[in-house]
Amino acid sequence: MNNPPLQAVHGASWRDYLALCKPRVVSLIVFTALIGMLLASPTLVPLDRLLIATLGIALAAASAAAINHLADHRIDALMARTQNRPLPQGELSLRQAFAFALVLGALSMYLLVAFINTLTAVLTFLSLIGYAVVYTLFLKHATPQNIVIGGAAGAAPPVLGWTAVTGTLDPHALLLFLIIFAWTPPHFWALAIYRRTEYAKANVPMLPITHGAAFTRLHVLLYTILLVAVTLLPFATYMCGPIYLVGALVLNAGFLFYAIRMQFNDSDELAYATFKYSILYLTLLFVVLFIDHYWPLARAAFGA
């Protein structure tokens, strides 16, 4: 594997820069932020605000992802899952990656301050720093509870979407934050079990490395139970109606099914299947939130 040079790499392509943005991860972040925007308004959100806020949040998330690539380029080279990223392969230089991250972050802040509101810009910046600096540079290498503590940054997008529309923090937005915050540990620990050999090779103290896979599987179940309780709060607080409740119960049953199976089946394949289901789970849960919110409007529009 190549060591990324400091000087510019002239052969770098747009695909290398796109890879720095972690598009799969960022797409889920942007999606939850978008749902946060839509839930914040009893009617349709103005299109210009929707587009600019989405772009601003997306650019900030991409900037944080690029900084994560920079900070982790050495351990990325040791792990099969990440060794083909642009920096370990020498496709981009460290300076190019840093400049790219800086431009994305600056553009994000400009859009949010100039066209949305200062609160959203400040919260977005704090989320960027939380993930790219606090989690990546410190927590990730300091404690096996890294993903629990650092999960706050990843749980912020729906709050950012909400404040982009209303300009204020709302308890309902914080419920969306709690859902993702509770979802993050079982989601990531399932992947960590599957990739524990690689994390051990890179000397990253993920929970399966420090406490063992069996201990981690138990905590996947415990946090899944916590997640089930948290996802019922939007219905309990009258934020959502029966459509959301039914959808949440079905999706939670699926997550519990995987988490319980993991207590009796220690295969890495099941851990990875649980990880994949967790992504589908969060996506569909937010889709159900959207449908539940706009169903009365749709019925009224069609005269039902």
C-alpha atoms as a PDB file:
ATOM      1  CA  MET A   1       0.000   0.000   0.000  1.00  0.00           C
ATOM      2  CA  ASN A   2       1.114   3.508  -0.769  1.00  0.00           C
ATOM      3  CA  ASN A   3       1.687   6.161   1.851  1.00  0.00           C
ATOM      4  CA  PRO A   4      -0.223   9.352   0.873  1.00  0.00           C
ATOM      5  CA  PRO A   5       2.225  12.121  -0.081  1.00  0.00           C
ATOM      6  CA  LEU A   6       2.080  15.687   1.206  1.00  0.00           C
ATOM      7  CA  GLN A   7       2.406  17.229  -2.239  1.00  0.00           C
ATOM      8  CA  ALA A   8      -0.412  17.310  -4.767  1.00  0.00           C
ATOM      9  CA  VAL A   9      -1.188  14.210  -6.771  1.00  0.00           C
ATOM     10  CA  HIS A  10      -1.920  15.437 -10.293  1.00  0.00           C
ATOM     11  CA  GLY A  11      -3.662  12.266 -11.391  1.00  0.00           C
ATOM     12  CA  ALA A  12      -6.422  12.482  -8.795  1.00  0.00           C
ATOM     13  CA  SER A  13      -9.918  12.086 -10.229  1.00  0.00           C
ATOM     14  CA  TRP A  14     -13.341  13.295  -9.114  1.00  0.00           C
ATOM     15  CA  ARG A  15     -14.058   9.742  -7.967  1.00  0.00           C
ATOM     16  CA  ASP A  16     -11.257  10.010  -5.416  1.00  0.00           C
ATOM     17  CA  TYR A  17     -12.756  13.203  -4.010  1.00  0.00           C
ATOM     18  CA  LEU A  18     -16.208  11.647  -3.979  1.00  0.00           C
ATOM     19  CA  ALA A  19     -14.850   8.666  -2.024  1.00  0.00           C
ATOM     20  CA  LEU A  20     -13.530  11.090   0.614  1.00  0.00           C
ATOM     21  CA  CYS A  21     -17.122  12.183   1.209  1.00  0.00           C
ATOM     22  CA  LYS A  22     -18.292   8.685   2.236  1.00  0.00           C
ATOM     23  CA  PRO A  23     -21.396   9.030   0.035  1.00  0.00           C
ATOM     24  CA  ARG A  24     -23.252   6.056   1.539  1.00  0.00           C
ATOM     25  CA  VAL A  25     -22.863   7.352   5.073  1.00  0.00           C
ATOM     26  CA  VAL A  26     -23.588  10.950   4.077  1.00  0.00           C
ATOM     27  CA  SER A  27     -26.706   9.928   2.152  1.00  0.00           C
ATOM     28  CA  LEU A  28     -28.241   8.463   5.328  1.00  0.00           C
ATOM     29  CA  ILE A  29     -27.264  11.575   7.277  1.00  0.00           C
ATOM     30  CA  VAL A  30     -28.845  13.839   4.670  1.00  0.00           C
ATOM     31  CA  PHE A  31     -31.959  11.677   4.518  1.00  0.00           C
ATOM     32  CA  THR A  32     -32.569  11.927   8.282  1.00  0.00           C
ATOM     33  CA  ALA A  33     -31.932  15.670   8.149  1.00  0.00           C
ATOM     34  CA  LEU A  34     -34.430  15.986   5.299  1.00  0.00           C
ATOM     35  CA  ILE A  35     -37.083  14.106   7.274  1.00  0.00           C
ATOM     36  CA  GLY A  36     -36.355  16.414  10.217  1.00  0.00           C
ATOM     37  CA  MET A  37     -37.121  19.403   7.981  1.00  0.00           C
ATOM     38  CA  LEU A  38     -40.344  17.887   6.714  1.00  0.00           C
ATOM     39  CA  LEU A  39     -41.556  16.962  10.200  1.00  0.00           C
ATOM     40  CA  ALA A  40     -40.850  20.463  11.499  1.00  0.00           C
ATOM     41  CA  SER A  41     -43.613  22.022   9.408  1.00  0.00           C
ATOM     42  CA  PRO A  42     -47.344  21.236   9.498  1.00  0.00           C
ATOM     43  CA  THR A  43     -47.409  21.980   5.769  1.00  0.00           C
ATOM     44  CA  LEU A  44     -44.925  21.727   2.927  1.00  0.00           C
ATOM     45  CA  VAL A  45     -41.503  23.314   3.479  1.00  0.00           C
ATOM     46  CA  PRO A  46     -40.545  26.042   0.954  1.00  0.00           C
ATOM     47  CA  LEU A  47     -38.489  24.385  -1.782  1.00  0.00           C
ATOM     48  CA  ASP A  48     -35.640  26.904  -1.720  1.00  0.00           C
ATOM     49  CA  ARG A  49     -35.142  26.468   2.036  1.00  0.00           C
ATOM     50  CA  LEU A  50     -35.368  22.699   1.691  1.00  0.00           C
ATOM     51  CA  LEU A  51     -32.727  22.562  -1.044  1.00  0.00           C
ATOM     52  CA  ILE A  52     -30.265  25.029   0.501  1.00  0.00           C
ATOM     53  CA  ALA A  53     -30.475  23.521   3.981  1.00  0.00           C
ATOM     54  CA  THR A  54     -30.057  20.015   2.579  1.00  0.00           C
ATOM     55  CA  LEU A  55     -27.019  21.095   0.570  1.00  0.00           C
ATOM     56  CA  GLY A  56     -25.471  22.910   3.534  1.00  0.00           C
ATOM     57  CA  ILE A  57     -25.879  19.932   5.861  1.00  0.00           C
ATOM     58  CA  ALA A  58     -24.632  17.541   3.164  1.00  0.00           C
ATOM     59  CA  LEU A  59     -21.491  19.611   2.588  1.00  0.00           C
ATOM     60  CA  ALA A  60     -20.757  19.695   6.320  1.00  0.00           C
ATOM     61  CA  ALA A  61     -21.195  15.928   6.576  1.00  0.00           C
ATOM     62  CA  ALA A  62     -18.922  15.416   3.569  1.00  0.00           C
ATOM     63  CA  SER A  63     -16.327  17.729   5.118  1.00  0.00           C
ATOM     64  CA  ALA A  64     -16.402  15.725   8.358  1.00  0.00           C
ATOM     65  CA  ALA A  65     -16.036  12.509   6.357  1.00  0.00           C
ATOM     66  CA  ALA A  66     -12.993  13.876   4.527  1.00  0.00           C
ATOM     67  CA  ILE A  67     -11.373  14.907   7.830  1.00  0.00           C
ATOM     68  CA  ASN A  68     -12.099  11.398   9.116  1.00  0.00           C
ATOM     69  CA  HIS A  69     -10.224   9.998   6.100  1.00  0.00           C
ATOM     70  CA  LEU A  70      -7.289  12.281   6.905  1.00  0.00           C
ATOM     71  CA  ALA A  71      -7.153  11.333  10.576  1.00  0.00           C
ATOM     72  CA  ASP A  72      -7.520   7.603   9.921  1.00  0.00           C
ATOM     73  CA  HIS A  73      -5.378   7.189   6.812  1.00  0.00           C
ATOM     74  CA  ARG A  74      -2.726   5.154   8.648  1.00  0.00           C
ATOM     75  CA  ILE A  75      -5.102   2.686  10.295  1.00  0.00           C
ATOM     76  CA  ASP A  76      -7.190   2.567   7.107  1.00  0.00           C
ATOM     77  CA  ALA A  77      -4.156   1.076   5.383  1.00  0.00           C
ATOM     78  CA  LEU A  78      -4.195  -1.823   7.879  1.00  0.00           C
ATOM     79  CA  MET A  79      -7.839  -2.812   7.437  1.00  0.00           C
ATOM     80  CA  ALA A  80      -9.200  -4.725   4.450  1.00  0.00           C
ATOM     81  CA  ARG A  81     -12.459  -2.739   4.596  1.00  0.00           C
ATOM     82  CA  THR A  82     -10.658   0.587   4.191  1.00  0.00           C
ATOM     83  CA  GLN A  83      -7.280  -0.072   2.586  1.00  0.00           C
ATOM     84  CA  ASN A  84      -8.538   0.838  -0.894  1.00  0.00           C
ATOM     85  CA  ARG A  85      -9.581   4.340   0.130  1.00  0.00           C
ATOM     86  CA  PRO A  86      -7.880   7.179  -1.796  1.00  0.00           C
ATOM     87  CA  LEU A  87      -5.416   8.207   0.933  1.00  0.00           C
ATOM     88  CA  PRO A  88      -4.004   4.754   1.797  1.00  0.00           C
ATOM     89  CA  GLN A  89      -3.659   4.095  -1.933  1.00  0.00           C
ATOM     90  CA  GLY A  90      -1.886   7.422  -2.535  1.00  0.00           C
ATOM     91  CA  GLU A  91      -4.503   8.568  -5.054  1.00  0.00           C
ATOM     92  CA  LEU A  92      -4.830  11.862  -3.176  1.00  0.00           C
ATOM     93  CA  SER A  93      -2.330  13.773  -1.094  1.00  0.00           C
ATOM     94  CA  LEU A  94      -2.931  14.806   2.490  1.00  0.00           C
ATOM     95  CA  ARG A  95      -2.875  18.454   1.408  1.00  0.00           C
ATOM     96  CA  GLN A  96      -5.447  17.852  -1.287  1.00  0.00           C
ATOM     97  CA  ALA A  97      -7.728  16.064   1.167  1.00  0.00           C
ATOM     98  CA  PHE A  98      -7.338  18.798   3.782  1.00  0.00           C
ATOM     99  CA  ALA A  99      -8.018  21.575   1.280  1.00  0.00           C
ATOM    100  CA  PHE A 100     -11.048  19.726  -0.020  1.00  0.00           C
ATOM    101  CA  ALA A 101     -12.456  19.276   3.497  1.00  0.00           C
ATOM    102  CA  LEU A 102     -11.818  22.943   4.280  1.00  0.00           C
ATOM    103  CA  VAL A 103     -13.616  24.142   1.150  1.00  0.00           C
ATOM    104  CA  LEU A 104     -16.626  21.911   1.800  1.00  0.00           C
ATOM    105  CA  GLY A 105     -16.866  23.033   5.421  1.00  0.00           C
ATOM    106  CA  ALA A 106     -16.531  26.729   4.571  1.00  0.00           C
ATOM    107  CA  LEU A 107     -19.139  26.509   1.825  1.00  0.00           C
ATOM    108  CA  SER A 108     -21.497  24.693   4.182  1.00  0.00           C
ATOM    109  CA  MET A 109     -21.191  27.395   6.831  1.00  0.00           C
ATOM    110  CA  TYR A 110     -21.716  30.162   4.259  1.00  0.00           C
ATOM    111  CA  LEU A 111     -24.926  28.604   2.938  1.00  0.00           C
ATOM    112  CA  LEU A 112     -26.367  27.953   6.378  1.00  0.00           C
ATOM    113  CA  VAL A 113     -25.506  31.367   7.832  1.00  0.00           C
ATOM    114  CA  ALA A 114     -26.446  33.402   4.755  1.00  0.00           C
ATOM    115  CA  PHE A 115     -29.629  31.606   3.704  1.00  0.00           C
ATOM    116  CA  ILE A 116     -30.902  29.502   6.640  1.00  0.00           C
ATOM    117  CA  ASN A 117     -30.139  30.644  10.191  1.00  0.00           C
ATOM    118  CA  THR A 118     -27.258  30.987  12.628  1.00  0.00           C
ATOM    119  CA  LEU A 119     -28.564  28.332  15.028  1.00  0.00           C
ATOM    120  CA  THR A 120     -28.474  25.651  12.336  1.00  0.00           C
ATOM    121  CA  ALA A 121     -24.993  26.759  11.257  1.00  0.00           C
ATOM    122  CA  VAL A 122     -23.668  26.605  14.832  1.00  0.00           C
ATOM    123  CA  LEU A 123     -25.212  23.192  15.545  1.00  0.00           C
ATOM    124  CA  THR A 124     -23.927  21.854  12.217  1.00  0.00           C
ATOM    125  CA  PHE A 125     -20.431  23.112  12.971  1.00  0.00           C
ATOM    126  CA  LEU A 126     -20.509  21.535  16.436  1.00  0.00           C
ATOM    127  CA  SER A 127     -21.614  18.236  14.884  1.00  0.00           C
ATOM    128  CA  LEU A 128     -18.779  18.426  12.363  1.00  0.00           C
ATOM    129  CA  ILE A 129     -16.230  19.029  15.119  1.00  0.00           C
ATOM    130  CA  GLY A 130     -17.826  16.334  17.276  1.00  0.00           C
ATOM    131  CA  TYR A 131     -17.408  13.654  14.627  1.00  0.00           C
ATOM    132  CA  ALA A 132     -14.267  14.745  12.808  1.00  0.00           C
ATOM    133  CA  VAL A 133     -12.231  15.849  15.830  1.00  0.00           C
ATOM    134  CA  VAL A 134     -13.680  14.670  19.172  1.00  0.00           C
ATOM    135  CA  TYR A 135     -14.703  11.185  18.000  1.00  0.00           C
ATOM    136  CA  THR A 136     -12.118  10.484  15.295  1.00  0.00           C
ATOM    137  CA  LEU A 137      -9.028  11.934  16.965  1.00  0.00           C
ATOM    138  CA  PHE A 138      -9.763  11.212  20.615  1.00  0.00           C
ATOM    139  CA  LEU A 139     -12.704   8.977  21.568  1.00  0.00           C
ATOM    140  CA  LYS A 140     -12.139   6.357  18.888  1.00  0.00           C
ATOM    141  CA  HIS A 141      -8.725   5.499  20.308  1.00  0.00           C
ATOM    142  CA  ALA A 142      -9.419   6.220  23.973  1.00  0.00           C
ATOM    143  CA  THR A 143     -12.356   4.094  25.082  1.00  0.00           C
ATOM    144  CA  PRO A 144     -14.474   1.119  23.970  1.00  0.00           C
ATOM    145  CA  GLN A 145     -17.482   3.371  24.641  1.00  0.00           C
ATOM    146  CA  ASN A 146     -16.293   5.576  21.775  1.00  0.00           C
ATOM    147  CA  ILE A 147     -19.330   4.971  19.589  1.00  0.00           C
ATOM    148  CA  VAL A 148     -21.760   5.609  22.457  1.00  0.00           C
ATOM    149  CA  ILE A 149     -20.249   8.956  23.423  1.00  0.00           C
ATOM    150  CA  GLY A 150     -19.417   9.980  19.869  1.00  0.00           C
ATOM    151  CA  GLY A 151     -22.848   8.945  18.646  1.00  0.00           C
ATOM    152  CA  ALA A 152     -24.209  12.363  19.588  1.00  0.00           C
ATOM    153  CA  ALA A 153     -22.641  13.902  16.475  1.00  0.00           C
ATOM    154  CA  GLY A 154     -24.171  11.288  14.213  1.00  0.00           C
ATOM    155  CA  ALA A 155     -27.585  11.739  15.859  1.00  0.00           C
ATOM    156  CA  ALA A 156     -27.718  15.479  15.176  1.00  0.00           C
ATOM    157  CA  PRO A 157     -28.904  15.631  11.500  1.00  0.00           C
ATOM    158  CA  PRO A 158     -32.694  15.534  12.129  1.00  0.00           C
ATOM    159  CA  VAL A 159     -32.240  18.293  14.720  1.00  0.00           C
ATOM    160  CA  LEU A 160     -30.314  20.314  12.154  1.00  0.00           C
ATOM    161  CA  GLY A 161     -33.111  19.794   9.666  1.00  0.00           C
ATOM    162  CA  TRP A 162     -35.710  20.842  12.220  1.00  0.00           C
ATOM    163  CA  THR A 163     -33.892  24.054  13.203  1.00  0.00           C
ATOM    164  CA  ALA A 164     -33.297  24.879   9.531  1.00  0.00           C
ATOM    165  CA  VAL A 165     -37.080  25.208   9.145  1.00  0.00           C
ATOM    166  CA  THR A 166     -38.128  26.634  12.506  1.00  0.00           C
ATOM    167  CA  GLY A 167     -35.009  28.404  13.780  1.00  0.00           C
ATOM    168  CA  THR A 168     -35.618  26.909  17.233  1.00  0.00           C
ATOM    169  CA  LEU A 169     -34.891  23.718  19.146  1.00  0.00           C
ATOM    170  CA  ASP A 170     -37.984  21.637  19.809  1.00  0.00           C
ATOM    171  CA  PRO A 171     -38.523  18.664  22.136  1.00  0.00           C
ATOM    172  CA  HIS A 172     -39.857  16.638  19.184  1.00  0.00           C
ATOM    173  CA  ALA A 173     -36.605  17.233  17.325  1.00  0.00           C
ATOM    174  CA  LEU A 174     -34.742  15.926  20.366  1.00  0.00           C
ATOM    175  CA  LEU A 175     -36.814  12.731  20.199  1.00  0.00           C
ATOM    176  CA  LEU A 176     -35.471  12.179  16.686  1.00  0.00           C
ATOM    177  CA  PHE A 177     -31.980  12.763  18.101  1.00  0.00           C
ATOM    178  CA  LEU A 178     -32.595  10.155  20.816  1.00  0.00           C
ATOM    179  CA  ILE A 179     -33.738   7.582  18.259  1.00  0.00           C
ATOM    180  CA  ILE A 180     -30.499   7.787  16.273  1.00  0.00           C
ATOM    181  CA  PHE A 181     -28.423   8.061  19.457  1.00  0.00           C
ATOM    182  CA  ALA A 182     -29.911   4.797  20.770  1.00  0.00           C
ATOM    183  CA  TRP A 183     -29.670   3.161  17.332  1.00  0.00           C
ATOM    184  CA  THR A 184     -25.968   3.868  16.820  1.00  0.00           C
ATOM    185  CA  PRO A 185     -24.412   1.394  19.324  1.00  0.00           C
ATOM    186  CA  PRO A 186     -26.244  -1.775  18.198  1.00  0.00           C
ATOM    187  CA  HIS A 187     -25.774  -0.716  14.582  1.00  0.00           C
ATOM    188  CA  PHE A 188     -22.038  -0.156  14.870  1.00  0.00           C
ATOM    189  CA  TRP A 189     -21.229  -2.904  17.360  1.00  0.00           C
ATOM    190  CA  ALA A 190     -22.748  -5.476  15.011  1.00  0.00           C
ATOM    191  CA  LEU A 191     -20.271  -4.299  12.364  1.00  0.00           C
ATOM    192  CA  ALA A 192     -17.450  -4.197  14.930  1.00  0.00           C
ATOM    193  CA  ILE A 193     -18.069  -7.864  15.784  1.00  0.00           C
ATOM    194  CA  TYR A 194     -17.865  -8.752  12.107  1.00  0.00           C
ATOM    195  CA  ARG A 195     -14.690  -6.681  11.624  1.00  0.00           C
ATOM    196  CA  ARG A 196     -13.099  -7.284  15.037  1.00  0.00           C
ATOM    197  CA  THR A 197      -9.955  -8.896  13.612  1.00  0.00           C
ATOM    198  CA  GLU A 198      -9.265  -5.815  11.524  1.00  0.00           C
ATOM    199  CA  TYR A 199      -9.907  -3.434  14.421  1.00  0.00           C
ATOM    200  CA  ALA A 200      -7.515  -5.478  16.567  1.00  0.00           C
ATOM    201  CA  LYS A 201      -4.871  -5.276  13.830  1.00  0.00           C
ATOM    202  CA  ALA A 202      -5.293  -1.494  13.709  1.00  0.00           C
ATOM    203  CA  ASN A 203      -5.198  -1.307  17.534  1.00  0.00           C
ATOM    204  CA  VAL A 204      -8.589   0.419  17.775  1.00  0.00           C
ATOM    205  CA  PRO A 205     -10.243  -0.383  21.153  1.00  0.00           C
ATOM    206  CA  MET A 206     -13.697  -1.289  19.887  1.00  0.00           C
ATOM    207  CA  LEU A 207     -15.896  -3.129  22.386  1.00  0.00           C
ATOM    208  CA  PRO A 208     -15.410  -6.617  20.833  1.00  0.00           C
ATOM    209  CA  ILE A 209     -11.641  -6.135  21.166  1.00  0.00           C
ATOM    210  CA  THR A 210     -11.592  -4.953  24.771  1.00  0.00           C
ATOM    211  CA  HIS A 211     -14.460  -7.010  26.215  1.00  0.00           C
ATOM    212  CA  GLY A 212     -15.016  -9.821  23.728  1.00  0.00           C
ATOM    213  CA  ALA A 213     -17.656 -10.631  21.139  1.00  0.00           C
ATOM    214  CA  ALA A 214     -20.074 -12.287  23.597  1.00  0.00           C
ATOM    215  CA  PHE A 215     -20.118  -9.201  25.827  1.00  0.00           C
ATOM    216  CA  THR A 216     -20.712  -7.032  22.764  1.00  0.00           C
ATOM    217  CA  ARG A 217     -23.554  -9.218  21.519  1.00  0.00           C
ATOM    218  CA  LEU A 218     -25.259  -8.824  24.902  1.00  0.00           C
ATOM    219  CA  HIS A 219     -24.930  -5.057  24.656  1.00  0.00           C
ATOM    220  CA  VAL A 220     -26.339  -5.114  21.144  1.00  0.00           C
ATOM    221  CA  LEU A 221     -29.463  -6.692  22.665  1.00  0.00           C
ATOM    222  CA  LEU A 222     -29.608  -4.279  25.621  1.00  0.00           C
ATOM    223  CA  TYR A 223     -29.276  -1.213  23.412  1.00  0.00           C
ATOM    224  CA  THR A 224     -31.835  -2.636  20.991  1.00  0.00           C
ATOM    225  CA  ILE A 225     -34.315  -2.904  23.881  1.00  0.00           C
ATOM    226  CA  LEU A 226     -33.491   0.704  24.772  1.00  0.00           C
ATOM    227  CA  LEU A 227     -34.029   1.657  21.125  1.00  0.00           C
ATOM    228  CA  VAL A 228     -37.459   0.005  21.127  1.00  0.00           C
ATOM    229  CA  ALA A 229     -38.463   2.081  24.159  1.00  0.00           C
ATOM    230  CA  VAL A 230     -37.145   5.309  22.640  1.00  0.00           C
ATOM    231  CA  THR A 231     -38.904   4.773  19.318  1.00  0.00           C
ATOM    232  CA  LEU A 232     -42.250   4.567  21.129  1.00  0.00           C
ATOM    233  CA  LEU A 233     -41.815   8.074  22.572  1.00  0.00           C
ATOM    234  CA  PRO A 234     -43.006   9.939  19.438  1.00  0.00           C
ATOM    235  CA  PHE A 235     -46.339   8.129  19.722  1.00  0.00           C
ATOM    236  CA  ALA A 236     -46.496   8.467  23.508  1.00  0.00           C
ATOM    237  CA  THR A 237     -45.966  12.246  23.264  1.00  0.00           C
ATOM    238  CA  TYR A 238     -48.541  12.678  20.472  1.00  0.00           C
ATOM    239  CA  MET A 239     -45.887  13.650  17.972  1.00  0.00           C
ATOM    240  CA  CYS A 240     -46.993  10.772  15.718  1.00  0.00           C
ATOM    241  CA  GLY A 241     -50.089   8.698  15.163  1.00  0.00           C
ATOM    242  CA  PRO A 242     -51.036   5.045  14.648  1.00  0.00           C
ATOM    243  CA  ILE A 243     -49.304   4.731  11.252  1.00  0.00           C
ATOM    244  CA  TYR A 244     -45.963   5.411  12.909  1.00  0.00           C
ATOM    245  CA  LEU A 245     -46.769   3.166  15.867  1.00  0.00           C
ATOM    246  CA  VAL A 246     -47.534   0.163  13.663  1.00  0.00           C
ATOM    247  CA  GLY A 247     -44.457   0.745  11.500  1.00  0.00           C
ATOM    248  CA  ALA A 248     -42.192   1.182  14.522  1.00  0.00           C
ATOM    249  CA  LEU A 249     -43.498  -1.981  16.175  1.00  0.00           C
ATOM    250  CA  VAL A 250     -42.924  -4.062  13.046  1.00  0.00           C
ATOM    251  CA  LEU A 251     -39.414  -2.681  12.503  1.00  0.00           C
ATOM    252  CA  ASN A 252     -38.544  -3.086  16.184  1.00  0.00           C
ATOM    253  CA  ALA A 253     -39.682  -6.707  16.074  1.00  0.00           C
ATOM    254  CA  GLY A 254     -37.221  -7.287  13.246  1.00  0.00           C
ATOM    255  CA  PHE A 255     -34.341  -5.661  15.120  1.00  0.00           C
ATOM    256  CA  LEU A 256     -35.122  -7.616  18.287  1.00  0.00           C
ATOM    257  CA  PHE A 257     -35.259 -10.812  16.252  1.00  0.00           C
ATOM    258  CA  TYR A 258     -31.690 -10.237  15.033  1.00  0.00           C
ATOM    259  CA  ALA A 259     -30.408  -9.094  18.439  1.00  0.00           C
ATOM    260  CA  ILE A 260     -31.880 -12.109  20.240  1.00  0.00           C
ATOM    261  CA  ARG A 261     -30.559 -14.508  17.609  1.00  0.00           C
ATOM    262  CA  MET A 262     -27.086 -13.065  18.172  1.00  0.00           C
ATOM    263  CA  GLN A 263     -27.206 -14.322  21.781  1.00  0.00           C
ATOM    264  CA  PHE A 264     -27.396 -17.919  20.565  1.00  0.00           C
ATOM    265  CA  ASN A 265     -25.550 -17.693  17.268  1.00  0.00           C
ATOM    266  CA  ASP A 266     -22.026 -16.284  17.345  1.00  0.00           C
ATOM    267  CA  SER A 267     -21.441 -16.342  13.583  1.00  0.00           C
ATOM    268  CA  ASP A 268     -19.907 -13.278  11.973  1.00  0.00           C
ATOM    269  CA  GLU A 269     -22.399 -13.643   9.125  1.00  0.00           C
ATOM    270  CA  LEU A 270     -25.300 -13.038  11.508  1.00  0.00           C
ATOM    271  CA  ALA A 271     -23.537 -10.006  12.983  1.00  0.00           C
ATOM    272  CA  TYR A 272     -23.121  -8.575   9.508  1.00  0.00           C
ATOM    273  CA  ALA A 273     -26.756  -9.344   8.644  1.00  0.00           C
ATOM    274  CA  THR A 274     -27.775  -7.466  11.799  1.00  0.00           C
ATOM    275  CA  PHE A 275     -25.660  -4.505  10.729  1.00  0.00           C
ATOM    276  CA  LYS A 276     -27.296  -4.448   7.296  1.00  0.00           C
ATOM    277  CA  TYR A 277     -30.771  -4.717   8.806  1.00  0.00           C
ATOM    278  CA  SER A 278     -30.006  -1.809  11.137  1.00  0.00           C
ATOM    279  CA  ILE A 279     -29.452   0.483   8.128  1.00  0.00           C
ATOM    280  CA  LEU A 280     -32.715  -0.643   6.551  1.00  0.00           C
ATOM    281  CA  TYR A 281     -34.401  -0.233   9.935  1.00  0.00           C
ATOM    282  CA  LEU A 282     -33.420   3.405  10.390  1.00  0.00           C
ATOM    283  CA  THR A 283     -34.268   4.289   6.792  1.00  0.00           C
ATOM    284  CA  LEU A 284     -37.726   2.739   6.973  1.00  0.00           C
ATOM    285  CA  LEU A 285     -38.411   4.174  10.427  1.00  0.00           C
ATOM    286  CA  PHE A 286     -37.864   7.683   9.097  1.00  0.00           C
ATOM    287  CA  VAL A 287     -39.951   6.883   6.018  1.00  0.00           C
ATOM    288  CA  VAL A 288     -42.792   5.876   8.358  1.00  0.00           C
ATOM    289  CA  LEU A 289     -42.324   9.128  10.305  1.00  0.00           C
ATOM    290  CA  PHE A 290     -42.742  11.019   7.021  1.00  0.00           C
ATOM    291  CA  ILE A 291     -45.833   9.050   5.943  1.00  0.00           C
ATOM    292  CA  ASP A 292     -47.487   9.432   9.349  1.00  0.00           C
ATOM    293  CA  HIS A 293     -46.853  13.201   9.326  1.00  0.00           C
ATOM    294  CA  TYR A 294     -48.159  13.899   5.833  1.00  0.00           C
ATOM    295  CA  TRP A 295     -50.968  11.340   5.663  1.00  0.00           C
ATOM    296  CA  PRO A 296     -53.607  13.830   6.963  1.00  0.00           C
ATOM    297  CA  LEU A 297     -52.467  16.387   4.376  1.00  0.00           C
ATOM    298  CA  ALA A 298     -52.642  13.797   1.607  1.00  0.00           C
ATOM    299  CA  ARG A 299     -56.130  12.768   2.656  1.00  0.00           C
ATOM    300  CA  ALA A 300     -57.277  16.384   2.736  1.00  0.00           C
ATOM    301  CA  ALA A 301     -55.734  17.092  -0.672  1.00  0.00           C
ATOM    302  CA  PHE A 302     -57.567  14.175  -2.256  1.00  0.00           C
ATOM    303  CA  GLY A 303     -60.795  14.849  -0.394  1.00  0.00           C
ATOM    304  CA  ALA A 304     -60.768  11.616   1.545  1.00  0.00           C
END
